[in-house]
Structure formats: C-alpha cells, structure tokens
C-alpha cells in the first residue's frame, strides 16, 4: 500500500540483529513508509519519546532490555502510551505471546514471515491506531477527520447517500444546571439510541460519527434516512426524562440563573435532526454538505420540540418534520 509524502507514516524498527533491521527497513520503505531503526531497547525508548512514531515493530528477545520491558515502559508513559506496537517473535517464543499482550502489544509477527503478511499487519495496526486517535473518547465513535474523509469519498464517487446531523437542543443549559457528569450521561444515552436505531433500521455499511459534545452524524442510504431519524427522535423523546429530576419534568422547563442573577425559563431538551440528501451527484464538496446542514439546523432550532428538517420545499407532512 503506497502512501503520499504528506501522510507517510513513520515506523520505528527495534531489533538487535542488523540484518533484520536492514530487511525490515528495505521492505517498509519500498512500500511508502518512513523508517527509523534502533538496535536495543534503551535506544528504542529514546527514539519513541523524541519522535512519537506512528508504529513500533519491536523484537521480543534483545540484550539490555527485552521487548516486554520496552513495551511496558512505553505504555506506562503518557507521551508514548498510544503508539501501537507489533512484536517480532520466533516460533519457539510463542508461549510468551500472552505476556506481550498483557504488556500492551497490539499484534505479533512470527519469524520467519512473508512480506505480504508484514505489510498486512502493519497496515491493519496503523489503521487501528489512526481510528483510535480520531475516535471520540466518550463514545468511541469516529471524529471529524474520519467523518470528512467518509463524505469526501462518497462525493468523489458521485454516490447517493443521506447525511443526518443530530443535535440536542438546550443541552448547554441542561449541562450547566445538572453538571458535566449528567451531561456525559445524556450524550451516552443519545449515542446508544443512535447506535441502536442505525442497527435496527439502517444498512450494514452505515456510518456513525461524533463531532463532539452533543453533535452526532449518521451517513446512510436515502431510503433509510427518514426512518432512522424518526426512530432516534421517538426514542429520545420517550426516554430522556430518566436523566432529569421529577420536579423539573413536572414544570416542563429549567430555571437557569444568568450572571446578573436573573432567572430565565429554558425549555426541556429536544432534538433537531438535519437531513441532507445527495441524489445524482448534486453535492460537489464537503463544504456544500456543511453549508446546507448549518442552514437546516438554524431553521429547525426555531421550532418547538424535536424536529426533522430536510432540504425539500412546498410539501409539509406534520409536526415532527419541517421541510424547507
């Protein structure tokens, strides 16, 4: 798998045998990776701390400091803890595999290995590492970078798709009123609803992303988008009261005190879902999706309660769906 200079991952190869380092360096560089080498564990730690490579290929049996100790030290330090590690082992060392996994190794490569296996494992671990970096730490869903890549890929192929942008109305007031822990519980509550709705009503290849805070996206087929959106709204509206105190539910609003000490009544949480459809390749750029979504969100947030807003004109089909 070739890589451009801009995205060329850097790999730290650690092995006490020079010919192994040389072979790995040649194989990896030939396939578009940048390679740095270290001949022992101590130098490997210095290089890892200084460079923060995208991946470390680490020999298990080395003098001075073996691969177990190196891996354990990498994982216990904040600066290097997220660097994925592939351990190199001989067949006779296979019983040590569990120990290596306990110390934080992500995968194993057993000597002798084929070039195809090396590249496959490297590519898989790098993909996993990139997804981990981009994933939202609260929900585990992919973040902005992957969302954009997904949309740009579909637009570039002129594929039809539907883009749902899910946003909680009045979430900031709720978060300030109840505190960040209850706010996180609400975000996880919505994440579970989205996940279940997509699983039950969507397609196997549908995508869920978490932009941050209370903002989520779903990329699905045009035919399933409205069904998923309505299910999300129904499940949220029927269940979010479990996250609130009974007296606030009875009042139907939150009493929020501003900096001047004045109290305002803020409506309870609801959802605005913006639906953008790409039919016949009409969307030409990621920014086009973003612009339409922003316009729809502004329109929807002026409505009472949970709404689905979409870029369609003239026809109106009821309270839960507002069409522009």
C-alpha atoms as a PDB file:
ATOM      1  CA  UNK A   1       0.000   0.000   0.000  1.00  0.00           C
ATOM      2  CA  UNK A   2       1.691   3.199  -1.175  1.00  0.00           C
ATOM      3  CA  UNK A   3       1.475   6.442   0.765  1.00  0.00           C
ATOM      4  CA  UNK A   4       1.943  10.058  -0.248  1.00  0.00           C
ATOM      5  CA  UNK A   5       4.677  12.109   1.464  1.00  0.00           C
ATOM      6  CA  UNK A   6       2.022  14.110   3.290  1.00  0.00           C
ATOM      7  CA  UNK A   7       0.544  11.085   5.038  1.00  0.00           C
ATOM      8  CA  UNK A   8       3.611   8.805   5.047  1.00  0.00           C
ATOM      9  CA  UNK A   9       3.601   7.029   8.456  1.00  0.00           C
ATOM     10  CA  UNK A  10       6.844   6.721  10.420  1.00  0.00           C
ATOM     11  CA  UNK A  11       7.757   3.304  11.804  1.00  0.00           C
ATOM     12  CA  UNK A  12      10.395   2.605  14.465  1.00  0.00           C
ATOM     13  CA  UNK A  13      12.041  -0.800  13.920  1.00  0.00           C
ATOM     14  CA  UNK A  14      13.749  -2.231  17.013  1.00  0.00           C
ATOM     15  CA  UNK A  15      15.919  -5.346  16.675  1.00  0.00           C
ATOM     16  CA  UNK A  16      19.415  -6.224  17.895  1.00  0.00           C
ATOM     17  CA  UNK A  17      20.222  -8.072  14.648  1.00  0.00           C
ATOM     18  CA  UNK A  18      21.447  -5.718  11.941  1.00  0.00           C
ATOM     19  CA  UNK A  19      20.333  -7.857   9.005  1.00  0.00           C
ATOM     20  CA  UNK A  20      16.753  -7.975  10.380  1.00  0.00           C
ATOM     21  CA  UNK A  21      16.709  -4.188  10.736  1.00  0.00           C
ATOM     22  CA  UNK A  22      18.049  -3.789   7.215  1.00  0.00           C
ATOM     23  CA  UNK A  23      15.483  -6.166   5.684  1.00  0.00           C
ATOM     24  CA  UNK A  24      12.565  -4.546   7.506  1.00  0.00           C
ATOM     25  CA  UNK A  25      13.755  -1.067   6.567  1.00  0.00           C
ATOM     26  CA  UNK A  26      14.014  -2.045   2.901  1.00  0.00           C
ATOM     27  CA  UNK A  27      10.605  -3.750   2.784  1.00  0.00           C
ATOM     28  CA  UNK A  28       8.790  -0.919   4.552  1.00  0.00           C
ATOM     29  CA  UNK A  29      10.440   1.970   2.696  1.00  0.00           C
ATOM     30  CA  UNK A  30       9.733   0.278  -0.617  1.00  0.00           C
ATOM     31  CA  UNK A  31       6.055   0.403   0.299  1.00  0.00           C
ATOM     32  CA  UNK A  32       5.936   4.067   1.217  1.00  0.00           C
ATOM     33  CA  UNK A  33       6.771   4.164   4.928  1.00  0.00           C
ATOM     34  CA  UNK A  34       9.437   6.231   6.671  1.00  0.00           C
ATOM     35  CA  UNK A  35      11.651   4.021   8.850  1.00  0.00           C
ATOM     36  CA  UNK A  36      13.869   4.726  11.851  1.00  0.00           C
ATOM     37  CA  UNK A  37      15.897   1.928  13.455  1.00  0.00           C
ATOM     38  CA  UNK A  38      17.144   1.160  16.959  1.00  0.00           C
ATOM     39  CA  UNK A  39      19.411  -1.734  17.927  1.00  0.00           C
ATOM     40  CA  UNK A  40      18.357  -2.083  21.570  1.00  0.00           C
ATOM     41  CA  UNK A  41      15.550  -1.278  23.980  1.00  0.00           C
ATOM     42  CA  UNK A  42      17.162   1.745  25.593  1.00  0.00           C
ATOM     43  CA  UNK A  43      17.705   3.485  22.268  1.00  0.00           C
ATOM     44  CA  UNK A  44      14.177   2.492  21.240  1.00  0.00           C
ATOM     45  CA  UNK A  45      12.725   4.332  24.250  1.00  0.00           C
ATOM     46  CA  UNK A  46      14.769   7.458  23.439  1.00  0.00           C
ATOM     47  CA  UNK A  47      13.638   7.413  19.816  1.00  0.00           C
ATOM     48  CA  UNK A  48       9.990   6.756  20.745  1.00  0.00           C
ATOM     49  CA  UNK A  49       9.908   9.590  23.278  1.00  0.00           C
ATOM     50  CA  UNK A  50      11.550  12.018  20.905  1.00  0.00           C
ATOM     51  CA  UNK A  51       9.793  11.151  17.635  1.00  0.00           C
ATOM     52  CA  UNK A  52       6.406   9.642  18.627  1.00  0.00           C
ATOM     53  CA  UNK A  53       6.340   7.308  15.598  1.00  0.00           C
ATOM     54  CA  UNK A  54       3.087   6.010  14.157  1.00  0.00           C
ATOM     55  CA  UNK A  55       4.079   2.394  14.860  1.00  0.00           C
ATOM     56  CA  UNK A  56       6.851   0.420  16.588  1.00  0.00           C
ATOM     57  CA  UNK A  57       7.967  -3.008  15.355  1.00  0.00           C
ATOM     58  CA  UNK A  58       9.683  -4.461  18.419  1.00  0.00           C
ATOM     59  CA  UNK A  59      11.795  -7.614  18.706  1.00  0.00           C
ATOM     60  CA  UNK A  60      10.995  -9.693  21.772  1.00  0.00           C
ATOM     61  CA  UNK A  61      14.430 -11.077  22.661  1.00  0.00           C
ATOM     62  CA  UNK A  62      17.120  -8.399  22.982  1.00  0.00           C
ATOM     63  CA  UNK A  63      20.048  -7.805  25.371  1.00  0.00           C
ATOM     64  CA  UNK A  64      19.985  -4.990  27.996  1.00  0.00           C
ATOM     65  CA  UNK A  65      16.196  -4.623  27.826  1.00  0.00           C
ATOM     66  CA  UNK A  66      13.851  -7.136  26.202  1.00  0.00           C
ATOM     67  CA  UNK A  67      10.710  -6.340  24.243  1.00  0.00           C
ATOM     68  CA  UNK A  68       8.417  -6.990  27.215  1.00  0.00           C
ATOM     69  CA  UNK A  69      10.096  -4.303  29.307  1.00  0.00           C
ATOM     70  CA  UNK A  70      10.268  -1.824  26.433  1.00  0.00           C
ATOM     71  CA  UNK A  71       6.577  -2.281  25.665  1.00  0.00           C
ATOM     72  CA  UNK A  72       5.598  -1.937  29.331  1.00  0.00           C
ATOM     73  CA  UNK A  73       7.595   1.298  29.691  1.00  0.00           C
ATOM     74  CA  UNK A  74       6.060   2.711  26.509  1.00  0.00           C
ATOM     75  CA  UNK A  75       2.527   2.021  27.710  1.00  0.00           C
ATOM     76  CA  UNK A  76       3.025   3.474  31.205  1.00  0.00           C
ATOM     77  CA  UNK A  77       4.198   6.874  29.916  1.00  0.00           C
ATOM     78  CA  UNK A  78       1.537   9.334  28.730  1.00  0.00           C
ATOM     79  CA  UNK A  79       3.643  10.596  25.820  1.00  0.00           C
ATOM     80  CA  UNK A  80       4.167   7.148  24.284  1.00  0.00           C
ATOM     81  CA  UNK A  81       1.209   5.147  25.602  1.00  0.00           C
ATOM     82  CA  UNK A  82      -0.870   5.472  22.409  1.00  0.00           C
ATOM     83  CA  UNK A  83       1.849   4.286  19.989  1.00  0.00           C
ATOM     84  CA  UNK A  84       0.774   0.884  18.596  1.00  0.00           C
ATOM     85  CA  UNK A  85       3.298  -1.965  18.880  1.00  0.00           C
ATOM     86  CA  UNK A  86       3.850  -5.080  16.764  1.00  0.00           C
ATOM     87  CA  UNK A  87       6.144  -7.617  18.462  1.00  0.00           C
ATOM     88  CA  UNK A  88       8.560  -9.781  16.492  1.00  0.00           C
ATOM     89  CA  UNK A  89       8.852 -13.339  17.839  1.00  0.00           C
ATOM     90  CA  UNK A  90      10.279 -16.695  16.837  1.00  0.00           C
ATOM     91  CA  UNK A  91       8.031 -19.762  16.867  1.00  0.00           C
ATOM     92  CA  UNK A  92       9.814 -21.037  19.984  1.00  0.00           C
ATOM     93  CA  UNK A  93       8.794 -17.830  21.787  1.00  0.00           C
ATOM     94  CA  UNK A  94       5.052 -18.217  21.138  1.00  0.00           C
ATOM     95  CA  UNK A  95       4.209 -19.125  24.779  1.00  0.00           C
ATOM     96  CA  UNK A  96       5.329 -15.577  25.622  1.00  0.00           C
ATOM     97  CA  UNK A  97       2.591 -14.104  23.429  1.00  0.00           C
ATOM     98  CA  UNK A  98       0.124 -13.676  26.279  1.00  0.00           C
ATOM     99  CA  UNK A  99       2.709 -11.830  28.357  1.00  0.00           C
ATOM    100  CA  UNK A 100       3.373  -9.466  25.473  1.00  0.00           C
ATOM    101  CA  UNK A 101      -0.328  -8.743  25.055  1.00  0.00           C
ATOM    102  CA  UNK A 102      -0.594  -8.056  28.781  1.00  0.00           C
ATOM    103  CA  UNK A 103       2.217  -5.532  28.413  1.00  0.00           C
ATOM    104  CA  UNK A 104       0.307  -3.690  25.682  1.00  0.00           C
ATOM    105  CA  UNK A 105       1.386  -5.173  22.340  1.00  0.00           C
ATOM    106  CA  UNK A 106      -1.229  -4.747  19.610  1.00  0.00           C
ATOM    107  CA  UNK A 107      -0.163  -7.602  17.334  1.00  0.00           C
ATOM    108  CA  UNK A 108       2.508 -10.238  16.693  1.00  0.00           C
ATOM    109  CA  UNK A 109       4.661 -11.096  13.695  1.00  0.00           C
ATOM    110  CA  UNK A 110       6.237 -14.547  13.829  1.00  0.00           C
ATOM    111  CA  UNK A 111       9.643 -15.089  12.250  1.00  0.00           C
ATOM    112  CA  UNK A 112      10.077 -16.168   9.519  1.00  0.00           C
ATOM    113  CA  UNK A 113       7.314 -14.076   7.958  1.00  0.00           C
ATOM    114  CA  UNK A 114       6.325 -13.217   4.398  1.00  0.00           C
ATOM    115  CA  UNK A 115       6.469  -9.695   3.014  1.00  0.00           C
ATOM    116  CA  UNK A 116       2.723  -9.784   2.354  1.00  0.00           C
ATOM    117  CA  UNK A 117       1.994 -10.686   5.988  1.00  0.00           C
ATOM    118  CA  UNK A 118       4.291  -7.932   7.241  1.00  0.00           C
ATOM    119  CA  UNK A 119       2.574  -5.268   5.154  1.00  0.00           C
ATOM    120  CA  UNK A 120      -0.917  -6.526   6.007  1.00  0.00           C
ATOM    121  CA  UNK A 121      -0.270  -6.453   9.754  1.00  0.00           C
ATOM    122  CA  UNK A 122       1.452  -3.070   9.582  1.00  0.00           C
ATOM    123  CA  UNK A 123      -1.395  -1.568   7.576  1.00  0.00           C
ATOM    124  CA  UNK A 124      -4.057  -3.034   9.890  1.00  0.00           C
ATOM    125  CA  UNK A 125      -2.388  -1.763  13.065  1.00  0.00           C
ATOM    126  CA  UNK A 126      -1.783   1.686  11.550  1.00  0.00           C
ATOM    127  CA  UNK A 127      -5.440   1.914  10.519  1.00  0.00           C
ATOM    128  CA  UNK A 128      -6.490   0.895  14.028  1.00  0.00           C
ATOM    129  CA  UNK A 129      -4.121   3.453  15.560  1.00  0.00           C
ATOM    130  CA  UNK A 130      -5.462   6.254  13.379  1.00  0.00           C
ATOM    131  CA  UNK A 131      -9.043   5.395  14.279  1.00  0.00           C
ATOM    132  CA  UNK A 132      -8.111   5.380  17.971  1.00  0.00           C
ATOM    133  CA  UNK A 133      -6.552   8.834  17.667  1.00  0.00           C
ATOM    134  CA  UNK A 134      -9.593  10.239  15.931  1.00  0.00           C
ATOM    135  CA  UNK A 135     -12.280   8.492  17.963  1.00  0.00           C
ATOM    136  CA  UNK A 136     -14.265  10.495  20.471  1.00  0.00           C
ATOM    137  CA  UNK A 137     -13.028   9.428  23.937  1.00  0.00           C
ATOM    138  CA  UNK A 138     -16.540   9.395  25.443  1.00  0.00           C
ATOM    139  CA  UNK A 139     -18.477   7.435  22.817  1.00  0.00           C
ATOM    140  CA  UNK A 140     -15.757   5.752  20.750  1.00  0.00           C
ATOM    141  CA  UNK A 141     -17.380   6.939  17.504  1.00  0.00           C
ATOM    142  CA  UNK A 142     -15.178   8.353  14.740  1.00  0.00           C
ATOM    143  CA  UNK A 143     -14.471  12.081  14.885  1.00  0.00           C
ATOM    144  CA  UNK A 144     -14.199  14.967  12.446  1.00  0.00           C
ATOM    145  CA  UNK A 145     -11.320  13.709  10.332  1.00  0.00           C
ATOM    146  CA  UNK A 146     -12.902  10.346   9.533  1.00  0.00           C
ATOM    147  CA  UNK A 147     -16.325  11.953   9.008  1.00  0.00           C
ATOM    148  CA  UNK A 148     -14.862  14.308   6.434  1.00  0.00           C
ATOM    149  CA  UNK A 149     -12.935  11.511   4.702  1.00  0.00           C
ATOM    150  CA  UNK A 150     -16.091   9.405   4.525  1.00  0.00           C
ATOM    151  CA  UNK A 151     -18.131  12.227   2.972  1.00  0.00           C
ATOM    152  CA  UNK A 152     -15.413  13.257   0.534  1.00  0.00           C
ATOM    153  CA  UNK A 153     -15.042   9.641  -0.589  1.00  0.00           C
ATOM    154  CA  UNK A 154     -18.761   9.295  -1.307  1.00  0.00           C
ATOM    155  CA  UNK A 155     -18.963  12.695  -3.026  1.00  0.00           C
ATOM    156  CA  UNK A 156     -15.892  11.928  -5.102  1.00  0.00           C
ATOM    157  CA  UNK A 157     -17.542   8.748  -6.394  1.00  0.00           C
ATOM    158  CA  UNK A 158     -20.843  10.595  -7.007  1.00  0.00           C
ATOM    159  CA  UNK A 159     -22.619   8.053  -4.822  1.00  0.00           C
ATOM    160  CA  UNK A 160     -26.103   8.661  -3.469  1.00  0.00           C
ATOM    161  CA  UNK A 161     -26.294   8.961   0.306  1.00  0.00           C
ATOM    162  CA  UNK A 162     -28.153  10.687   3.110  1.00  0.00           C
ATOM    163  CA  UNK A 163     -26.428  12.710   5.830  1.00  0.00           C
ATOM    164  CA  UNK A 164     -28.120  13.133   9.208  1.00  0.00           C
ATOM    165  CA  UNK A 165     -26.848  15.734  11.664  1.00  0.00           C
ATOM    166  CA  UNK A 166     -28.226  15.094  15.177  1.00  0.00           C
ATOM    167  CA  UNK A 167     -28.055  17.891  17.757  1.00  0.00           C
ATOM    168  CA  UNK A 168     -29.579  18.235  21.249  1.00  0.00           C
ATOM    169  CA  UNK A 169     -31.474  21.492  21.757  1.00  0.00           C
ATOM    170  CA  UNK A 170     -30.916  23.299  25.089  1.00  0.00           C
ATOM    171  CA  UNK A 171     -28.126  20.893  26.032  1.00  0.00           C
ATOM    172  CA  UNK A 172     -25.829  23.647  27.349  1.00  0.00           C
ATOM    173  CA  UNK A 173     -28.485  24.811  29.804  1.00  0.00           C
ATOM    174  CA  UNK A 174     -29.047  21.221  30.946  1.00  0.00           C
ATOM    175  CA  UNK A 175     -25.288  20.656  31.291  1.00  0.00           C
ATOM    176  CA  UNK A 176     -24.847  23.840  33.354  1.00  0.00           C
ATOM    177  CA  UNK A 177     -27.888  23.059  35.510  1.00  0.00           C
ATOM    178  CA  UNK A 178     -27.181  19.392  36.291  1.00  0.00           C
ATOM    179  CA  UNK A 179     -23.389  19.267  35.895  1.00  0.00           C
ATOM    180  CA  UNK A 180     -20.946  17.651  33.487  1.00  0.00           C
ATOM    181  CA  UNK A 181     -21.441  14.096  34.714  1.00  0.00           C
ATOM    182  CA  UNK A 182     -25.166  14.188  33.936  1.00  0.00           C
ATOM    183  CA  UNK A 183     -24.272  15.882  30.662  1.00  0.00           C
ATOM    184  CA  UNK A 184     -21.981  12.985  29.712  1.00  0.00           C
ATOM    185  CA  UNK A 185     -24.735  10.525  30.659  1.00  0.00           C
ATOM    186  CA  UNK A 186     -27.078  12.340  28.277  1.00  0.00           C
ATOM    187  CA  UNK A 187     -24.556  12.186  25.434  1.00  0.00           C
ATOM    188  CA  UNK A 188     -24.051   8.456  26.013  1.00  0.00           C
ATOM    189  CA  UNK A 189     -27.836   7.991  26.178  1.00  0.00           C
ATOM    190  CA  UNK A 190     -28.208   9.606  22.751  1.00  0.00           C
ATOM    191  CA  UNK A 191     -25.218   7.670  21.388  1.00  0.00           C
ATOM    192  CA  UNK A 192     -26.876   4.386  22.399  1.00  0.00           C
ATOM    193  CA  UNK A 193     -30.149   5.452  20.760  1.00  0.00           C
ATOM    194  CA  UNK A 194     -28.377   6.369  17.513  1.00  0.00           C
ATOM    195  CA  UNK A 195     -26.395   3.141  17.513  1.00  0.00           C
ATOM    196  CA  UNK A 196     -29.486   1.003  18.094  1.00  0.00           C
ATOM    197  CA  UNK A 197     -31.565   2.953  15.568  1.00  0.00           C
ATOM    198  CA  UNK A 198     -28.964   2.555  12.832  1.00  0.00           C
ATOM    199  CA  UNK A 199     -28.505  -1.126  13.657  1.00  0.00           C
ATOM    200  CA  UNK A 200     -32.259  -1.820  13.627  1.00  0.00           C
ATOM    201  CA  UNK A 201     -33.430   0.417  10.787  1.00  0.00           C
ATOM    202  CA  UNK A 202     -30.337   1.050   8.683  1.00  0.00           C
ATOM    203  CA  UNK A 203     -27.882  -0.812   6.495  1.00  0.00           C
ATOM    204  CA  UNK A 204     -24.798  -2.851   7.406  1.00  0.00           C
ATOM    205  CA  UNK A 205     -22.429  -0.253   5.913  1.00  0.00           C
ATOM    206  CA  UNK A 206     -24.000   2.798   7.580  1.00  0.00           C
ATOM    207  CA  UNK A 207     -21.652   5.153   9.406  1.00  0.00           C
ATOM    208  CA  UNK A 208     -21.976   6.918  12.785  1.00  0.00           C
ATOM    209  CA  UNK A 209     -19.712   9.805  13.770  1.00  0.00           C
ATOM    210  CA  UNK A 210     -19.383  12.008  16.848  1.00  0.00           C
ATOM    211  CA  UNK A 211     -18.324  15.542  16.001  1.00  0.00           C
ATOM    212  CA  UNK A 212     -18.094  16.419  19.688  1.00  0.00           C
ATOM    213  CA  UNK A 213     -20.297  17.443  22.579  1.00  0.00           C
ATOM    214  CA  UNK A 214     -23.919  16.689  21.708  1.00  0.00           C
ATOM    215  CA  UNK A 215     -23.417  16.675  17.916  1.00  0.00           C
ATOM    216  CA  UNK A 216     -23.578  13.367  16.007  1.00  0.00           C
ATOM    217  CA  UNK A 217     -23.801  12.380  12.347  1.00  0.00           C
ATOM    218  CA  UNK A 218     -25.179   9.352  10.524  1.00  0.00           C
ATOM    219  CA  UNK A 219     -24.412   8.521   6.892  1.00  0.00           C
ATOM    220  CA  UNK A 220     -26.906   6.080   5.401  1.00  0.00           C
ATOM    221  CA  UNK A 221     -28.933   5.417   2.270  1.00  0.00           C
ATOM    222  CA  UNK A 222     -31.554   7.897   1.090  1.00  0.00           C
ATOM    223  CA  UNK A 223     -34.267   5.266   1.531  1.00  0.00           C
ATOM    224  CA  UNK A 224     -33.462   4.588   5.220  1.00  0.00           C
ATOM    225  CA  UNK A 225     -32.580   8.096   6.454  1.00  0.00           C
ATOM    226  CA  UNK A 226     -36.040   9.295   7.479  1.00  0.00           C
ATOM    227  CA  UNK A 227     -36.860   6.003   9.204  1.00  0.00           C
ATOM    228  CA  UNK A 228     -33.657   6.199  11.255  1.00  0.00           C
ATOM    229  CA  UNK A 229     -34.191   9.877  12.096  1.00  0.00           C
ATOM    230  CA  UNK A 230     -37.764   9.354  13.280  1.00  0.00           C
ATOM    231  CA  UNK A 231     -36.717   6.403  15.406  1.00  0.00           C
ATOM    232  CA  UNK A 232     -33.961   8.473  17.051  1.00  0.00           C
ATOM    233  CA  UNK A 233     -36.424  11.281  17.821  1.00  0.00           C
ATOM    234  CA  UNK A 234     -39.073   8.927  19.198  1.00  0.00           C
ATOM    235  CA  UNK A 235     -36.635   7.042  21.431  1.00  0.00           C
ATOM    236  CA  UNK A 236     -35.060  10.251  22.749  1.00  0.00           C
ATOM    237  CA  UNK A 237     -38.364  11.985  23.442  1.00  0.00           C
ATOM    238  CA  UNK A 238     -39.762   8.899  25.174  1.00  0.00           C
ATOM    239  CA  UNK A 239     -36.710   8.300  27.345  1.00  0.00           C
ATOM    240  CA  UNK A 240     -34.729  11.443  28.165  1.00  0.00           C
ATOM    241  CA  UNK A 241     -36.870  12.201  31.248  1.00  0.00           C
ATOM    242  CA  UNK A 242     -34.949   9.490  33.148  1.00  0.00           C
ATOM    243  CA  UNK A 243     -31.985  11.882  33.058  1.00  0.00           C
ATOM    244  CA  UNK A 244     -33.882  14.676  34.835  1.00  0.00           C
ATOM    245  CA  UNK A 245     -35.322  15.378  38.267  1.00  0.00           C
ATOM    246  CA  UNK A 246     -39.063  14.815  38.584  1.00  0.00           C
ATOM    247  CA  UNK A 247     -39.818  18.377  39.699  1.00  0.00           C
ATOM    248  CA  UNK A 248     -38.209  19.796  36.541  1.00  0.00           C
ATOM    249  CA  UNK A 249     -40.164  17.380  34.371  1.00  0.00           C
ATOM    250  CA  UNK A 250     -43.389  18.469  36.045  1.00  0.00           C
ATOM    251  CA  UNK A 251     -42.573  22.146  35.482  1.00  0.00           C
ATOM    252  CA  UNK A 252     -41.690  21.495  31.854  1.00  0.00           C
ATOM    253  CA  UNK A 253     -38.671  23.784  31.921  1.00  0.00           C
ATOM    254  CA  UNK A 254     -35.393  24.514  33.744  1.00  0.00           C
ATOM    255  CA  UNK A 255     -34.904  27.656  35.779  1.00  0.00           C
ATOM    256  CA  UNK A 256     -31.464  28.994  34.822  1.00  0.00           C
ATOM    257  CA  UNK A 257     -29.857  31.897  36.658  1.00  0.00           C
ATOM    258  CA  UNK A 258     -27.620  34.109  34.485  1.00  0.00           C
ATOM    259  CA  UNK A 259     -24.574  36.136  35.541  1.00  0.00           C
ATOM    260  CA  UNK A 260     -26.741  39.059  36.568  1.00  0.00           C
ATOM    261  CA  UNK A 261     -28.750  36.822  38.881  1.00  0.00           C
ATOM    262  CA  UNK A 262     -31.824  36.903  36.685  1.00  0.00           C
ATOM    263  CA  UNK A 263     -33.758  33.662  36.233  1.00  0.00           C
ATOM    264  CA  UNK A 264     -34.939  32.504  32.816  1.00  0.00           C
ATOM    265  CA  UNK A 265     -37.102  29.531  31.889  1.00  0.00           C
ATOM    266  CA  UNK A 266     -35.366  27.219  29.407  1.00  0.00           C
ATOM    267  CA  UNK A 267     -37.392  24.512  27.616  1.00  0.00           C
ATOM    268  CA  UNK A 268     -36.507  20.878  28.232  1.00  0.00           C
ATOM    269  CA  UNK A 269     -34.146  19.096  25.867  1.00  0.00           C
ATOM    270  CA  UNK A 270     -35.281  18.082  22.402  1.00  0.00           C
ATOM    271  CA  UNK A 271     -33.586  17.045  19.149  1.00  0.00           C
ATOM    272  CA  UNK A 272     -33.002  18.818  15.871  1.00  0.00           C
ATOM    273  CA  UNK A 273     -32.029  16.439  13.069  1.00  0.00           C
ATOM    274  CA  UNK A 274     -30.949  17.944   9.754  1.00  0.00           C
ATOM    275  CA  UNK A 275     -31.245  15.659   6.721  1.00  0.00           C
ATOM    276  CA  UNK A 276     -29.193  16.328   3.590  1.00  0.00           C
ATOM    277  CA  UNK A 277     -29.588  14.037   0.577  1.00  0.00           C
ATOM    278  CA  UNK A 278     -27.120  13.547  -2.240  1.00  0.00           C
ATOM    279  CA  UNK A 279     -29.003  12.339  -5.298  1.00  0.00           C
ATOM    280  CA  UNK A 280     -27.459  12.156  -8.789  1.00  0.00           C
ATOM    281  CA  UNK A 281     -24.168  13.613  -7.558  1.00  0.00           C
ATOM    282  CA  UNK A 282     -25.578  17.094  -6.896  1.00  0.00           C
ATOM    283  CA  UNK A 283     -23.213  17.694  -3.955  1.00  0.00           C
ATOM    284  CA  UNK A 284     -19.738  18.560  -5.172  1.00  0.00           C
ATOM    285  CA  UNK A 285     -17.760  19.204  -1.991  1.00  0.00           C
ATOM    286  CA  UNK A 286     -17.731  18.533   1.759  1.00  0.00           C
ATOM    287  CA  UNK A 287     -18.308  22.264   2.375  1.00  0.00           C
ATOM    288  CA  UNK A 288     -21.568  22.017   0.416  1.00  0.00           C
ATOM    289  CA  UNK A 289     -22.884  19.458   2.925  1.00  0.00           C
ATOM    290  CA  UNK A 290     -21.731  21.644   5.813  1.00  0.00           C
ATOM    291  CA  UNK A 291     -23.420  24.774   4.452  1.00  0.00           C
ATOM    292  CA  UNK A 292     -26.761  23.062   3.867  1.00  0.00           C
ATOM    293  CA  UNK A 293     -26.627  21.398   7.282  1.00  0.00           C
ATOM    294  CA  UNK A 294     -25.993  24.721   9.035  1.00  0.00           C
ATOM    295  CA  UNK A 295     -28.949  26.332   7.286  1.00  0.00           C
ATOM    296  CA  UNK A 296     -31.262  23.451   8.186  1.00  0.00           C
ATOM    297  CA  UNK A 297     -30.132  23.430  11.820  1.00  0.00           C
ATOM    298  CA  UNK A 298     -30.856  27.149  12.232  1.00  0.00           C
ATOM    299  CA  UNK A 299     -34.301  26.628  10.773  1.00  0.00           C
ATOM    300  CA  UNK A 300     -35.065  23.625  12.979  1.00  0.00           C
ATOM    301  CA  UNK A 301     -33.902  25.201  16.214  1.00  0.00           C
ATOM    302  CA  UNK A 302     -36.550  27.889  15.848  1.00  0.00           C
ATOM    303  CA  UNK A 303     -39.224  25.201  16.129  1.00  0.00           C
ATOM    304  CA  UNK A 304     -40.700  23.784  19.318  1.00  0.00           C
ATOM    305  CA  UNK A 305     -39.887  20.232  20.331  1.00  0.00           C
ATOM    306  CA  UNK A 306     -37.953  17.621  18.401  1.00  0.00           C
ATOM    307  CA  UNK A 307     -37.930  18.067  14.622  1.00  0.00           C
ATOM    308  CA  UNK A 308     -36.531  16.566  11.467  1.00  0.00           C
ATOM    309  CA  UNK A 309     -35.676  19.232   8.908  1.00  0.00           C
ATOM    310  CA  UNK A 310     -34.791  18.474   5.320  1.00  0.00           C
ATOM    311  CA  UNK A 311     -34.000  20.321   2.131  1.00  0.00           C
ATOM    312  CA  UNK A 312     -37.288  19.902   0.346  1.00  0.00           C
ATOM    313  CA  UNK A 313     -39.825  22.617  -0.479  1.00  0.00           C
ATOM    314  CA  UNK A 314     -43.585  23.033  -0.663  1.00  0.00           C
ATOM    315  CA  UNK A 315     -44.699  19.763   0.958  1.00  0.00           C
ATOM    316  CA  UNK A 316     -45.367  19.650   4.702  1.00  0.00           C
ATOM    317  CA  UNK A 317     -46.107  16.387   6.497  1.00  0.00           C
ATOM    318  CA  UNK A 318     -46.639  17.248  10.146  1.00  0.00           C
ATOM    319  CA  UNK A 319     -45.131  18.489  13.346  1.00  0.00           C
ATOM    320  CA  UNK A 320     -42.185  16.107  13.543  1.00  0.00           C
ATOM    321  CA  UNK A 321     -40.850  17.028  10.117  1.00  0.00           C
ATOM    322  CA  UNK A 322     -40.302  20.561   8.862  1.00  0.00           C
ATOM    323  CA  UNK A 323     -39.342  20.960   5.198  1.00  0.00           C
ATOM    324  CA  UNK A 324     -37.635  23.958   3.669  1.00  0.00           C
END
